[in-house]
């Protein structure tokens, strides 16, 4: 896999750079960001489902972005199920229909990609 880091590997912050980057203003155009590049987990289903007349044979889970965490913390995403739906692109009813081996694998992977403070909150409340 090719690394497309924004900061070069040989970056030295003490190399004389003293200026701060320019402040972000409203006049800047919104960047086009491809969320699909952050696939965390993908698995073929042991028990494929027919969803809207088409076979769902594979589930992918994206790494959460800061915006996903912000939306959960602010209540825009009301539950972790909503976060899971966003990260998989699946409707809640589709996730409910997954058979247990597939559902268990997805939820274990989901727990692995969540920030530690959210996992700690889940574990301390039940």
Protein backbone atom coordinates (compact mmCIF):
# COMPACT_ATOMS: atom_id res chain seq x y z
CA UNK A 1 0.00 0.00 0.00
CA UNK A 2 1.36 3.39 -0.97
CA UNK A 3 1.68 6.01 1.76
CA UNK A 4 0.28 9.42 0.91
CA UNK A 5 1.26 11.25 4.08
CA UNK A 6 0.70 14.97 4.16
CA UNK A 7 3.90 15.45 6.16
CA UNK A 8 7.08 14.11 4.55
CA UNK A 9 8.90 11.35 6.44
CA UNK A 10 11.93 13.63 6.86
CA UNK A 11 9.92 16.57 8.23
CA UNK A 12 11.78 18.43 10.95
CA UNK A 13 9.59 20.93 12.82
CA UNK A 14 12.68 22.69 14.20
CA UNK A 15 14.09 23.44 10.74
CA UNK A 16 13.38 27.14 10.96
CA UNK A 17 9.66 27.12 10.37
CA UNK A 18 8.38 29.89 12.62
CA UNK A 19 5.17 30.98 10.97
CA UNK A 20 1.81 29.51 11.83
CA UNK A 21 -0.28 28.21 8.96
CA UNK A 22 -2.85 30.67 7.66
CA UNK A 23 -6.13 30.75 9.55
CA UNK A 24 -9.08 28.96 7.98
CA UNK A 25 -11.70 31.38 6.73
CA UNK A 26 -15.21 30.98 5.42
CA UNK A 27 -14.00 31.98 1.96
CA UNK A 28 -12.12 28.69 1.53
CA UNK A 29 -13.89 26.11 -0.57
CA UNK A 30 -14.96 22.90 1.16
CA UNK A 31 -12.44 20.19 0.29
CA UNK A 32 -13.64 17.02 -1.43
CA UNK A 33 -12.71 14.19 0.93
CA UNK A 34 -13.02 10.52 -0.03
CA UNK A 35 -14.15 8.62 3.09
CA UNK A 36 -13.86 5.29 1.28
CA UNK A 37 -10.10 5.36 1.71
CA UNK A 38 -10.45 4.52 5.42
CA UNK A 39 -11.73 0.93 5.27
CA UNK A 40 -10.99 -0.64 8.64
CA UNK A 41 -12.56 -4.04 8.15
CA UNK A 42 -14.30 -6.00 5.43
CA UNK A 43 -15.80 -9.47 5.56
CA UNK A 44 -17.82 -11.71 3.31
CA UNK A 45 -21.00 -12.71 5.09
CA UNK A 46 -21.40 -16.33 6.10
CA UNK A 47 -25.14 -15.83 5.64
CA UNK A 48 -25.72 -13.37 2.77
CA UNK A 49 -28.96 -11.40 2.79
CA UNK A 50 -31.20 -10.17 0.04
CA UNK A 51 -31.71 -6.43 0.60
CA UNK A 52 -34.02 -4.54 -1.74
CA UNK A 53 -33.83 -7.43 -4.18
CA UNK A 54 -30.01 -7.51 -4.27
CA UNK A 55 -27.65 -9.84 -2.44
CA UNK A 56 -25.59 -8.33 0.33
CA UNK A 57 -22.56 -10.62 0.42
CA UNK A 58 -19.92 -8.40 2.03
CA UNK A 59 -19.90 -5.80 4.80
CA UNK A 60 -17.27 -3.09 5.12
CA UNK A 61 -16.63 -0.88 8.12
CA UNK A 62 -14.90 2.50 7.80
CA UNK A 63 -12.64 3.97 10.44
CA UNK A 64 -14.57 6.70 12.25
CA UNK A 65 -13.57 10.25 11.41
CA UNK A 66 -13.45 13.03 13.97
CA UNK A 67 -16.75 14.28 12.56
CA UNK A 68 -18.41 10.94 13.33
CA UNK A 69 -17.22 11.17 16.94
CA UNK A 70 -18.34 14.81 17.14
CA UNK A 71 -21.79 13.91 15.78
CA UNK A 72 -22.14 11.13 18.36
CA UNK A 73 -21.00 13.40 21.21
CA UNK A 74 -23.36 16.20 20.15
CA UNK A 75 -26.33 13.84 19.84
CA UNK A 76 -26.72 14.21 16.08
CA UNK A 77 -26.03 10.47 15.99
CA UNK A 78 -28.27 9.37 18.85
CA UNK A 79 -26.81 5.91 19.45
CA UNK A 80 -23.85 3.73 18.71
CA UNK A 81 -26.14 1.87 16.28
CA UNK A 82 -26.42 5.13 14.33
CA UNK A 83 -22.62 5.39 14.30
CA UNK A 84 -22.38 1.77 13.11
CA UNK A 85 -24.90 2.47 10.34
CA UNK A 86 -22.92 5.49 9.19
CA UNK A 87 -19.62 3.59 9.18
CA UNK A 88 -21.05 0.63 7.26
CA UNK A 89 -23.53 2.46 5.06
CA UNK A 90 -26.18 -0.06 6.12
CA UNK A 91 -29.73 0.68 7.23
CA UNK A 92 -30.51 -0.31 10.87
CA UNK A 93 -32.97 -2.95 9.64
CA UNK A 94 -30.21 -4.56 7.56
CA UNK A 95 -27.94 -4.75 10.61
CA UNK A 96 -30.83 -6.25 12.62
CA UNK A 97 -31.26 -8.92 9.94
CA UNK A 98 -27.64 -10.14 10.09
CA UNK A 99 -27.30 -13.67 11.43
CA UNK A 100 -25.35 -13.94 14.66
CA UNK A 101 -21.93 -15.07 13.38
CA UNK A 102 -21.90 -12.15 10.94
CA UNK A 103 -23.35 -9.71 13.47
CA UNK A 104 -20.88 -10.75 16.15
CA UNK A 105 -17.90 -10.30 13.82
CA UNK A 106 -19.16 -6.86 12.77
CA UNK A 107 -19.73 -5.71 16.35
CA UNK A 108 -16.31 -6.94 17.49
CA UNK A 109 -14.68 -5.05 14.62
CA UNK A 110 -16.80 -1.98 15.43
CA UNK A 111 -15.60 -2.04 19.04
CA UNK A 112 -12.02 -2.28 17.77
CA UNK A 113 -12.32 0.89 15.66
CA UNK A 114 -14.08 3.02 18.28
CA UNK A 115 -11.98 5.48 20.28
CA UNK A 116 -10.95 4.10 23.66
CA UNK A 117 -12.94 6.70 25.61
CA UNK A 118 -16.17 5.51 23.98
CA UNK A 119 -15.32 1.84 24.64
CA UNK A 120 -14.57 2.70 28.28
CA UNK A 121 -17.94 4.49 28.54
CA UNK A 122 -19.74 1.45 27.10
CA UNK A 123 -17.97 -0.95 29.46
CA UNK A 124 -18.57 1.19 32.55
CA UNK A 125 -22.32 1.54 31.87
CA UNK A 126 -23.21 -2.00 31.20
